[in-house]
Amino acid sequence: MIRTLPGHANCHHKHYGLSCATYEQMLQESGQRCEICGTAPQGNTSGKLFIDHENALGTWAVRGLLCHRCNSLNANRPGWNVTAPEGSDRYLANPWFHRRLAELGISADAPAEPPPGALVSDSLGRTWSYSRGSWHTKRSRIRGSAWADLVDQFGPIGLTITLPV
């Protein structure tokens, strides 16, 4: 994948289960500006837009791309006495992951752990299989509550389950 747009200097978006192509599409759809206030990436201290997600659902639940200020003010953490930026209501009412779920015709519910022998593909092109108590690929291994970790990162958008025949 050729990274063509500014702000795509590394593949940090993969932490959110976003492929390079999906991330570039999001950058294009946002006009490469904060989706709340319209600030260009160059107006940020880091020179990039931040990937905003719904913490309660997991990193897969990407709401959109925000400037540093809107991302911080929109965090809505308990005990913080901040006012959400103007335009937050509109932004939060139509997050990217809702639009993507509707486009795919799937529910936001976490997929149930598949039975032994199933293969699971993620949105980054890796295939996962279950053995010895954990889900793994040839290049990566997740231990512990492995299925929960996969669902947290990829959610229903980024996981495709192929059941054994």
C-alpha atoms as a PDB file:
ATOM      1  CA  MET A   1       0.000   0.000   0.000  1.00  0.00           C
ATOM      2  CA  ILE A   2       1.409   3.356  -0.980  1.00  0.00           C
ATOM      3  CA  ARG A   3       0.807   5.963   1.688  1.00  0.00           C
ATOM      4  CA  THR A   4      -0.187   9.042  -0.242  1.00  0.00           C
ATOM      5  CA  LEU A   5      -1.818  11.404   2.227  1.00  0.00           C
ATOM      6  CA  PRO A   6      -0.122  13.599   4.841  1.00  0.00           C
ATOM      7  CA  GLY A   7      -0.630  12.300   8.360  1.00  0.00           C
ATOM      8  CA  HIS A   8      -0.022   8.717   7.304  1.00  0.00           C
ATOM      9  CA  ALA A   9       3.654   8.702   8.255  1.00  0.00           C
ATOM     10  CA  ASN A  10       3.416   5.506  10.299  1.00  0.00           C
ATOM     11  CA  CYS A  11       0.855   2.761  10.675  1.00  0.00           C
ATOM     12  CA  HIS A  12      -0.448   3.711  14.142  1.00  0.00           C
ATOM     13  CA  HIS A  13      -3.960   3.258  12.743  1.00  0.00           C
ATOM     14  CA  LYS A  14      -3.385  -0.519  12.845  1.00  0.00           C
ATOM     15  CA  HIS A  15      -3.678  -0.301  16.653  1.00  0.00           C
ATOM     16  CA  TYR A  16      -7.347   0.524  15.976  1.00  0.00           C
ATOM     17  CA  GLY A  17      -7.791  -2.331  13.495  1.00  0.00           C
ATOM     18  CA  LEU A  18      -7.760   0.056  10.524  1.00  0.00           C
ATOM     19  CA  SER A  19      -6.024  -1.026   7.332  1.00  0.00           C
ATOM     20  CA  CYS A  20      -3.902   1.511   5.458  1.00  0.00           C
ATOM     21  CA  ALA A  21      -6.600   1.774   2.778  1.00  0.00           C
ATOM     22  CA  THR A  22      -9.362   2.380   5.336  1.00  0.00           C
ATOM     23  CA  TYR A  23      -7.307   4.982   7.158  1.00  0.00           C
ATOM     24  CA  GLU A  24      -6.528   6.820   3.939  1.00  0.00           C
ATOM     25  CA  GLN A  25     -10.231   6.731   3.049  1.00  0.00           C
ATOM     26  CA  MET A  26     -11.034   8.272   6.449  1.00  0.00           C
ATOM     27  CA  LEU A  27      -8.451  11.004   5.864  1.00  0.00           C
ATOM     28  CA  GLN A  28      -9.998  11.782   2.477  1.00  0.00           C
ATOM     29  CA  GLU A  29     -13.575  11.761   3.837  1.00  0.00           C
ATOM     30  CA  SER A  30     -12.609  14.184   6.623  1.00  0.00           C
ATOM     31  CA  GLY A  31     -10.913  16.491   4.146  1.00  0.00           C
ATOM     32  CA  GLN A  32      -7.801  15.897   6.274  1.00  0.00           C
ATOM     33  CA  ARG A  33      -9.304  18.152   8.938  1.00  0.00           C
ATOM     34  CA  CYS A  34     -10.664  17.722  12.454  1.00  0.00           C
ATOM     35  CA  GLU A  35     -14.220  16.420  12.155  1.00  0.00           C
ATOM     36  CA  ILE A  36     -15.441  18.784  14.878  1.00  0.00           C
ATOM     37  CA  CYS A  37     -13.702  22.134  14.409  1.00  0.00           C
ATOM     38  CA  GLY A  38     -12.081  21.771  10.979  1.00  0.00           C
ATOM     39  CA  THR A  39      -8.490  22.324  12.145  1.00  0.00           C
ATOM     40  CA  ALA A  40      -5.903  21.085   9.664  1.00  0.00           C
ATOM     41  CA  PRO A  41      -3.256  18.629  10.945  1.00  0.00           C
ATOM     42  CA  GLN A  42      -0.596  21.324  10.656  1.00  0.00           C
ATOM     43  CA  GLY A  43      -2.477  23.231  13.373  1.00  0.00           C
ATOM     44  CA  ASN A  44      -1.833  20.447  15.897  1.00  0.00           C
ATOM     45  CA  THR A  45       1.201  20.207  18.126  1.00  0.00           C
ATOM     46  CA  SER A  46       1.958  16.812  16.544  1.00  0.00           C
ATOM     47  CA  GLY A  47       1.135  17.874  12.987  1.00  0.00           C
ATOM     48  CA  LYS A  48      -1.413  15.055  12.606  1.00  0.00           C
ATOM     49  CA  LEU A  49      -5.015  14.179  13.376  1.00  0.00           C
ATOM     50  CA  PHE A  50      -5.801  11.827  16.241  1.00  0.00           C
ATOM     51  CA  ILE A  51      -7.887   8.680  15.910  1.00  0.00           C
ATOM     52  CA  ASP A  52     -10.809   9.041  18.305  1.00  0.00           C
ATOM     53  CA  HIS A  53     -12.585   5.916  19.532  1.00  0.00           C
ATOM     54  CA  GLU A  54     -15.348   4.883  21.937  1.00  0.00           C
ATOM     55  CA  ASN A  55     -13.425   3.612  24.972  1.00  0.00           C
ATOM     56  CA  ALA A  56     -16.375   1.659  26.342  1.00  0.00           C
ATOM     57  CA  LEU A  57     -16.545  -0.538  23.213  1.00  0.00           C
ATOM     58  CA  GLY A  58     -12.835  -0.974  22.440  1.00  0.00           C
ATOM     59  CA  THR A  59     -10.246   0.387  20.069  1.00  0.00           C
ATOM     60  CA  TRP A  60     -12.189  -0.939  17.037  1.00  0.00           C
ATOM     61  CA  ALA A  61     -15.006   1.578  17.662  1.00  0.00           C
ATOM     62  CA  VAL A  62     -13.369   4.475  15.826  1.00  0.00           C
ATOM     63  CA  ARG A  63     -15.514   7.589  15.869  1.00  0.00           C
ATOM     64  CA  GLY A  64     -13.366   9.703  13.563  1.00  0.00           C
ATOM     65  CA  LEU A  65     -10.323  11.945  13.235  1.00  0.00           C
ATOM     66  CA  LEU A  66      -9.829  14.911  15.556  1.00  0.00           C
ATOM     67  CA  CYS A  67      -7.341  17.640  16.343  1.00  0.00           C
ATOM     68  CA  HIS A  68      -5.516  17.461  19.675  1.00  0.00           C
ATOM     69  CA  ARG A  69      -7.802  20.042  21.318  1.00  0.00           C
ATOM     70  CA  CYS A  70     -11.099  18.409  20.292  1.00  0.00           C
ATOM     71  CA  ASN A  71      -9.787  14.929  21.080  1.00  0.00           C
ATOM     72  CA  SER A  72      -8.806  16.043  24.598  1.00  0.00           C
ATOM     73  CA  LEU A  73     -11.997  18.015  25.274  1.00  0.00           C
ATOM     74  CA  ASN A  74     -14.178  15.226  23.893  1.00  0.00           C
ATOM     75  CA  ALA A  75     -12.608  12.589  26.169  1.00  0.00           C
ATOM     76  CA  ASN A  76     -15.335  13.170  28.797  1.00  0.00           C
ATOM     77  CA  ARG A  77     -13.357  11.569  31.611  1.00  0.00           C
ATOM     78  CA  PRO A  78     -14.891  11.504  35.106  1.00  0.00           C
ATOM     79  CA  GLY A  79     -13.677  14.376  37.242  1.00  0.00           C
ATOM     80  CA  TRP A  80     -12.609  16.535  34.322  1.00  0.00           C
ATOM     81  CA  ASN A  81     -14.393  19.838  34.347  1.00  0.00           C
ATOM     82  CA  VAL A  82     -14.335  20.517  30.608  1.00  0.00           C
ATOM     83  CA  THR A  83     -16.892  21.652  28.100  1.00  0.00           C
ATOM     84  CA  ALA A  84     -17.121  19.618  24.917  1.00  0.00           C
ATOM     85  CA  PRO A  85     -16.246  21.675  21.839  1.00  0.00           C
ATOM     86  CA  GLU A  86     -19.032  23.133  19.724  1.00  0.00           C
ATOM     87  CA  GLY A  87     -20.009  20.553  17.103  1.00  0.00           C
ATOM     88  CA  SER A  88     -19.359  17.543  19.342  1.00  0.00           C
ATOM     89  CA  ASP A  89     -23.029  16.569  19.461  1.00  0.00           C
ATOM     90  CA  ARG A  90     -23.220  16.354  15.660  1.00  0.00           C
ATOM     91  CA  TYR A  91     -19.936  14.420  15.524  1.00  0.00           C
ATOM     92  CA  LEU A  92     -20.885  11.959  18.291  1.00  0.00           C
ATOM     93  CA  ALA A  93     -24.327  11.338  16.767  1.00  0.00           C
ATOM     94  CA  ASN A  94     -22.797   9.886  13.585  1.00  0.00           C
ATOM     95  CA  PRO A  95     -19.480   8.156  14.370  1.00  0.00           C
ATOM     96  CA  TRP A  96     -17.483   6.407  11.648  1.00  0.00           C
ATOM     97  CA  PHE A  97     -17.982   2.944  13.178  1.00  0.00           C
ATOM     98  CA  HIS A  98     -21.804   3.340  13.069  1.00  0.00           C
ATOM     99  CA  ARG A  99     -21.618   4.271   9.400  1.00  0.00           C
ATOM    100  CA  ARG A 100     -19.301   1.324   8.703  1.00  0.00           C
ATOM    101  CA  LEU A 101     -21.558  -1.145  10.572  1.00  0.00           C
ATOM    102  CA  ALA A 102     -24.560   0.076   8.552  1.00  0.00           C
ATOM    103  CA  GLU A 103     -22.588  -0.188   5.309  1.00  0.00           C
ATOM    104  CA  LEU A 104     -21.662  -3.799   6.145  1.00  0.00           C
ATOM    105  CA  GLY A 105     -25.158  -4.616   7.446  1.00  0.00           C
ATOM    106  CA  ILE A 106     -23.880  -5.979  10.773  1.00  0.00           C
ATOM    107  CA  SER A 107     -24.636  -5.419  14.442  1.00  0.00           C
ATOM    108  CA  ALA A 108     -22.344  -3.701  16.950  1.00  0.00           C
ATOM    109  CA  ASP A 109     -22.603  -6.745  19.206  1.00  0.00           C
ATOM    110  CA  ALA A 110     -19.329  -8.509  19.898  1.00  0.00           C
ATOM    111  CA  PRO A 111     -19.047 -11.719  17.901  1.00  0.00           C
ATOM    112  CA  ALA A 112     -19.199 -14.891  19.972  1.00  0.00           C
ATOM    113  CA  GLU A 113     -15.982 -16.860  20.217  1.00  0.00           C
ATOM    114  CA  PRO A 114     -15.923 -19.330  17.341  1.00  0.00           C
ATOM    115  CA  PRO A 115     -15.633 -23.089  17.900  1.00  0.00           C
ATOM    116  CA  PRO A 116     -12.331 -24.973  17.658  1.00  0.00           C
ATOM    117  CA  GLY A 117     -11.155 -25.359  14.079  1.00  0.00           C
ATOM    118  CA  ALA A 118     -12.543 -22.016  12.945  1.00  0.00           C
ATOM    119  CA  LEU A 119     -10.301 -19.517  11.233  1.00  0.00           C
ATOM    120  CA  VAL A 120     -10.612 -15.806  11.940  1.00  0.00           C
ATOM    121  CA  SER A 121      -9.365 -13.141   9.543  1.00  0.00           C
ATOM    122  CA  ASP A 122      -8.767  -9.605  10.773  1.00  0.00           C
ATOM    123  CA  SER A 123      -8.950  -6.323   8.892  1.00  0.00           C
ATOM    124  CA  LEU A 124      -5.146  -6.200   8.671  1.00  0.00           C
ATOM    125  CA  GLY A 125      -5.032  -9.356   6.559  1.00  0.00           C
ATOM    126  CA  ARG A 126      -3.891 -11.778   9.262  1.00  0.00           C
ATOM    127  CA  THR A 127      -5.486 -15.178   9.842  1.00  0.00           C
ATOM    128  CA  TRP A 128      -5.926 -16.331  13.433  1.00  0.00           C
ATOM    129  CA  SER A 129      -6.403 -19.892  14.680  1.00  0.00           C
ATOM    130  CA  TYR A 130      -6.934 -21.310  18.153  1.00  0.00           C
ATOM    131  CA  SER A 131      -4.559 -23.788  19.772  1.00  0.00           C
ATOM    132  CA  ARG A 132      -3.035 -24.426  23.187  1.00  0.00           C
ATOM    133  CA  GLY A 133      -5.388 -22.018  24.892  1.00  0.00           C
ATOM    134  CA  SER A 134      -4.871 -18.919  22.770  1.00  0.00           C
ATOM    135  CA  TRP A 135      -5.512 -17.314  19.404  1.00  0.00           C
ATOM    136  CA  HIS A 136      -2.440 -16.805  17.260  1.00  0.00           C
ATOM    137  CA  THR A 137      -1.116 -15.996  13.816  1.00  0.00           C
ATOM    138  CA  LYS A 138       2.209 -16.977  12.354  1.00  0.00           C
ATOM    139  CA  ARG A 139       3.608 -13.570  13.384  1.00  0.00           C
ATOM    140  CA  SER A 140       1.736 -12.704  16.580  1.00  0.00           C
ATOM    141  CA  ARG A 141       0.387 -14.381  19.694  1.00  0.00           C
ATOM    142  CA  ILE A 142      -2.127 -13.086  22.194  1.00  0.00           C
ATOM    143  CA  ARG A 143      -2.300 -14.740  25.625  1.00  0.00           C
ATOM    144  CA  GLY A 144      -4.875 -14.591  28.402  1.00  0.00           C
ATOM    145  CA  SER A 145      -8.397 -13.580  27.458  1.00  0.00           C
ATOM    146  CA  ALA A 146      -7.394 -13.830  23.835  1.00  0.00           C
ATOM    147  CA  TRP A 147     -10.811 -13.689  22.180  1.00  0.00           C
ATOM    148  CA  ALA A 148     -11.695 -10.598  24.228  1.00  0.00           C
ATOM    149  CA  ASP A 149      -8.432  -8.976  23.073  1.00  0.00           C
ATOM    150  CA  LEU A 150      -9.209  -9.679  19.409  1.00  0.00           C
ATOM    151  CA  VAL A 151     -12.751  -8.336  19.802  1.00  0.00           C
ATOM    152  CA  ASP A 152     -11.447  -5.242  21.622  1.00  0.00           C
ATOM    153  CA  GLN A 153      -9.116  -4.400  18.753  1.00  0.00           C
ATOM    154  CA  PHE A 154     -11.156  -5.466  15.718  1.00  0.00           C
ATOM    155  CA  GLY A 155     -14.782  -5.696  16.900  1.00  0.00           C
ATOM    156  CA  PRO A 156     -17.510  -6.910  14.554  1.00  0.00           C
ATOM    157  CA  ILE A 157     -16.191  -4.659  11.765  1.00  0.00           C
ATOM    158  CA  GLY A 158     -12.753  -6.176  11.483  1.00  0.00           C
ATOM    159  CA  LEU A 159     -13.253  -9.896  12.150  1.00  0.00           C
ATOM    160  CA  THR A 160     -14.415 -12.482   9.637  1.00  0.00           C
ATOM    161  CA  ILE A 161     -15.066 -15.959  10.997  1.00  0.00           C
ATOM    162  CA  THR A 162     -14.816 -19.020   8.767  1.00  0.00           C
ATOM    163  CA  LEU A 163     -16.346 -22.059  10.452  1.00  0.00           C
ATOM    164  CA  PRO A 164     -14.927 -25.540   9.927  1.00  0.00           C
ATOM    165  CA  VAL A 165     -16.776 -27.704   7.433  1.00  0.00           C
END
